[in-house]
Amino acid sequence: MRPVFDSAYRMGWVLVMFDLPVLTKAERRQATEFRKNLLDDGYMMVQYSVYARPCVDRDRLEKHTSRLQAMCPEAGNVRVLFLTDRQWSQGLCITGPDYDQGHRETDPAVPQQAEFW
């Protein structure tokens, strides 16, 4: 099996999925701060507790993984996957006709500045 990054410039996506406790006021505050930090770091909300961001190379993937480890609440459960751009584009989003998309991305695409890479 070939490594995900067989080129230094192969484009992909970092997918972050998480479960955070929100039973107390302090836990809700930490969960909100974690989500805000994800948005501030360039992630977009795909659906509740699932965020994604484009990633252009292995160095950036490692940088963002380190940031996620630093910002994860102590009681948090965070999973990080890397998908190649091809895998991401072959994904399917199925929503019911009455589903309110809210602030979530309907079809996240690579931002123009990342396409440069």
C-alpha atoms as a PDB file:
ATOM      1  CA  MET A   1       0.000   0.000   0.000  1.00  0.00           C
ATOM      2  CA  ARG A   2       1.342   3.414  -0.954  1.00  0.00           C
ATOM      3  CA  PRO A   3       1.556   6.096   1.730  1.00  0.00           C
ATOM      4  CA  VAL A   4      -1.133   8.773   1.695  1.00  0.00           C
ATOM      5  CA  PHE A   5       1.428  11.432   0.858  1.00  0.00           C
ATOM      6  CA  ASP A   6       3.492   9.944  -1.954  1.00  0.00           C
ATOM      7  CA  SER A   7       4.232  13.509  -3.033  1.00  0.00           C
ATOM      8  CA  ALA A   8       5.164  16.434  -0.809  1.00  0.00           C
ATOM      9  CA  TYR A   9       2.282  18.416  -2.316  1.00  0.00           C
ATOM     10  CA  ARG A  10      -0.598  15.941  -2.373  1.00  0.00           C
ATOM     11  CA  MET A  11      -3.832  17.619  -1.303  1.00  0.00           C
ATOM     12  CA  GLY A  12      -6.116  16.154   1.327  1.00  0.00           C
ATOM     13  CA  TRP A  13      -8.570  16.848   4.144  1.00  0.00           C
ATOM     14  CA  VAL A  14      -8.277  16.580   7.916  1.00  0.00           C
ATOM     15  CA  LEU A  15     -11.553  15.277   9.348  1.00  0.00           C
ATOM     16  CA  VAL A  16     -12.135  15.825  13.079  1.00  0.00           C
ATOM     17  CA  MET A  17     -14.936  14.018  14.923  1.00  0.00           C
ATOM     18  CA  PHE A  18     -15.473  14.432  18.629  1.00  0.00           C
ATOM     19  CA  ASP A  19     -17.583  13.710  21.685  1.00  0.00           C
ATOM     20  CA  LEU A  20     -17.244  16.242  24.472  1.00  0.00           C
ATOM     21  CA  PRO A  21     -19.078  16.195  27.786  1.00  0.00           C
ATOM     22  CA  VAL A  22     -21.577  19.040  28.219  1.00  0.00           C
ATOM     23  CA  LEU A  23     -23.294  18.200  31.505  1.00  0.00           C
ATOM     24  CA  THR A  24     -21.881  21.077  33.549  1.00  0.00           C
ATOM     25  CA  LYS A  25     -21.488  24.755  32.763  1.00  0.00           C
ATOM     26  CA  ALA A  26     -17.682  24.357  32.714  1.00  0.00           C
ATOM     27  CA  GLU A  27     -17.899  21.417  30.279  1.00  0.00           C
ATOM     28  CA  ARG A  28     -20.217  23.364  27.968  1.00  0.00           C
ATOM     29  CA  ARG A  29     -17.797  26.288  28.047  1.00  0.00           C
ATOM     30  CA  GLN A  30     -14.869  24.000  27.139  1.00  0.00           C
ATOM     31  CA  ALA A  31     -16.847  22.367  24.310  1.00  0.00           C
ATOM     32  CA  THR A  32     -17.805  25.770  22.921  1.00  0.00           C
ATOM     33  CA  GLU A  33     -14.207  26.951  23.128  1.00  0.00           C
ATOM     34  CA  PHE A  34     -12.999  23.801  21.336  1.00  0.00           C
ATOM     35  CA  ARG A  35     -15.478  24.374  18.466  1.00  0.00           C
ATOM     36  CA  LYS A  36     -14.501  28.051  18.274  1.00  0.00           C
ATOM     37  CA  ASN A  37     -10.814  27.099  18.151  1.00  0.00           C
ATOM     38  CA  LEU A  38     -11.520  24.715  15.271  1.00  0.00           C
ATOM     39  CA  LEU A  39     -13.254  27.477  13.304  1.00  0.00           C
ATOM     40  CA  ASP A  40     -10.444  29.930  14.107  1.00  0.00           C
ATOM     41  CA  ASP A  41      -7.932  27.353  12.810  1.00  0.00           C
ATOM     42  CA  GLY A  42      -9.643  27.105   9.422  1.00  0.00           C
ATOM     43  CA  TYR A  43     -11.955  24.146   9.974  1.00  0.00           C
ATOM     44  CA  MET A  44     -15.522  24.198   8.681  1.00  0.00           C
ATOM     45  CA  MET A  45     -18.439  22.494  10.377  1.00  0.00           C
ATOM     46  CA  VAL A  46     -19.632  19.566   8.260  1.00  0.00           C
ATOM     47  CA  GLN A  47     -22.215  18.510  10.836  1.00  0.00           C
ATOM     48  CA  TYR A  48     -22.480  18.673  14.614  1.00  0.00           C
ATOM     49  CA  SER A  49     -19.216  17.412  16.139  1.00  0.00           C
ATOM     50  CA  VAL A  50     -17.667  16.828  12.688  1.00  0.00           C
ATOM     51  CA  TYR A  51     -15.319  19.440  11.260  1.00  0.00           C
ATOM     52  CA  ALA A  52     -12.978  19.399   8.255  1.00  0.00           C
ATOM     53  CA  ARG A  53     -10.208  21.494   6.793  1.00  0.00           C
ATOM     54  CA  PRO A  54      -8.107  21.204   3.657  1.00  0.00           C
ATOM     55  CA  CYS A  55      -4.509  20.177   4.172  1.00  0.00           C
ATOM     56  CA  VAL A  56      -1.901  20.496   1.461  1.00  0.00           C
ATOM     57  CA  ASP A  57       0.991  18.363   2.743  1.00  0.00           C
ATOM     58  CA  ARG A  58       2.347  16.123   5.508  1.00  0.00           C
ATOM     59  CA  ASP A  59       3.949  19.022   7.415  1.00  0.00           C
ATOM     60  CA  ARG A  60       0.627  20.835   7.667  1.00  0.00           C
ATOM     61  CA  LEU A  61      -1.125  17.624   8.735  1.00  0.00           C
ATOM     62  CA  GLU A  62       1.363  17.176  11.581  1.00  0.00           C
ATOM     63  CA  LYS A  63       1.057  20.854  12.540  1.00  0.00           C
ATOM     64  CA  HIS A  64      -2.738  20.673  12.748  1.00  0.00           C
ATOM     65  CA  THR A  65      -2.654  17.367  14.617  1.00  0.00           C
ATOM     66  CA  SER A  66      -0.376  18.950  17.230  1.00  0.00           C
ATOM     67  CA  ARG A  67      -2.745  21.911  17.555  1.00  0.00           C
ATOM     68  CA  LEU A  68      -5.711  19.561  18.044  1.00  0.00           C
ATOM     69  CA  GLN A  69      -3.872  17.696  20.807  1.00  0.00           C
ATOM     70  CA  ALA A  70      -3.160  20.986  22.565  1.00  0.00           C
ATOM     71  CA  MET A  71      -6.729  22.289  22.359  1.00  0.00           C
ATOM     72  CA  CYS A  72      -8.573  19.061  23.278  1.00  0.00           C
ATOM     73  CA  PRO A  73     -10.452  19.321  26.587  1.00  0.00           C
ATOM     74  CA  GLU A  74      -9.264  16.893  29.275  1.00  0.00           C
ATOM     75  CA  ALA A  75     -12.499  14.880  29.139  1.00  0.00           C
ATOM     76  CA  GLY A  76     -12.689  15.017  25.339  1.00  0.00           C
ATOM     77  CA  ASN A  77     -12.707  12.180  22.822  1.00  0.00           C
ATOM     78  CA  VAL A  78     -11.376  13.450  19.484  1.00  0.00           C
ATOM     79  CA  ARG A  79     -10.748  11.333  16.379  1.00  0.00           C
ATOM     80  CA  VAL A  80      -8.731  12.651  13.451  1.00  0.00           C
ATOM     81  CA  LEU A  81      -8.740  11.121   9.965  1.00  0.00           C
ATOM     82  CA  PHE A  82      -6.906  12.162   6.851  1.00  0.00           C
ATOM     83  CA  LEU A  83      -8.689  11.760   3.524  1.00  0.00           C
ATOM     84  CA  THR A  84      -7.100  12.382   0.166  1.00  0.00           C
ATOM     85  CA  ASP A  85      -8.879  14.941  -1.972  1.00  0.00           C
ATOM     86  CA  ARG A  86     -10.078  12.119  -4.211  1.00  0.00           C
ATOM     87  CA  GLN A  87     -11.585  10.211  -1.273  1.00  0.00           C
ATOM     88  CA  TRP A  88     -13.245  13.413  -0.046  1.00  0.00           C
ATOM     89  CA  SER A  89     -14.739  14.182  -3.469  1.00  0.00           C
ATOM     90  CA  GLN A  90     -16.214  10.666  -3.691  1.00  0.00           C
ATOM     91  CA  GLY A  91     -18.107  11.153  -0.431  1.00  0.00           C
ATOM     92  CA  LEU A  92     -21.872  11.412  -0.406  1.00  0.00           C
ATOM     93  CA  CYS A  93     -24.100  13.641   1.720  1.00  0.00           C
ATOM     94  CA  ILE A  94     -27.714  12.548   2.059  1.00  0.00           C
ATOM     95  CA  THR A  95     -30.160  14.879   3.813  1.00  0.00           C
ATOM     96  CA  GLY A  96     -33.895  14.738   4.215  1.00  0.00           C
ATOM     97  CA  PRO A  97     -36.027  17.414   2.529  1.00  0.00           C
ATOM     98  CA  ASP A  98     -36.869  19.083   5.858  1.00  0.00           C
ATOM     99  CA  TYR A  99     -33.340  19.014   7.308  1.00  0.00           C
ATOM    100  CA  ASP A 100     -32.156  22.454   8.443  1.00  0.00           C
ATOM    101  CA  GLN A 101     -28.515  22.756   7.354  1.00  0.00           C
ATOM    102  CA  GLY A 102     -27.875  25.714   9.669  1.00  0.00           C
ATOM    103  CA  HIS A 103     -24.203  26.782   9.737  1.00  0.00           C
ATOM    104  CA  ARG A 104     -22.900  23.509   8.327  1.00  0.00           C
ATOM    105  CA  GLU A 105     -21.250  23.303   4.916  1.00  0.00           C
ATOM    106  CA  THR A 106     -23.490  21.662   2.326  1.00  0.00           C
ATOM    107  CA  ASP A 107     -20.650  20.708  -0.007  1.00  0.00           C
ATOM    108  CA  PRO A 108     -17.269  21.763   1.390  1.00  0.00           C
ATOM    109  CA  ALA A 109     -14.792  22.517  -1.375  1.00  0.00           C
ATOM    110  CA  VAL A 110     -11.118  23.331  -1.329  1.00  0.00           C
ATOM    111  CA  PRO A 111     -10.649  27.069  -0.653  1.00  0.00           C
ATOM    112  CA  GLN A 112      -9.080  28.882  -3.601  1.00  0.00           C
ATOM    113  CA  GLN A 113      -5.896  29.707  -1.685  1.00  0.00           C
ATOM    114  CA  ALA A 114      -5.326  25.983  -0.949  1.00  0.00           C
ATOM    115  CA  GLU A 115      -5.919  25.046  -4.597  1.00  0.00           C
ATOM    116  CA  PHE A 116      -2.750  26.975  -5.406  1.00  0.00           C
ATOM    117  CA  TRP A 117      -0.714  24.173  -3.817  1.00  0.00           C
END
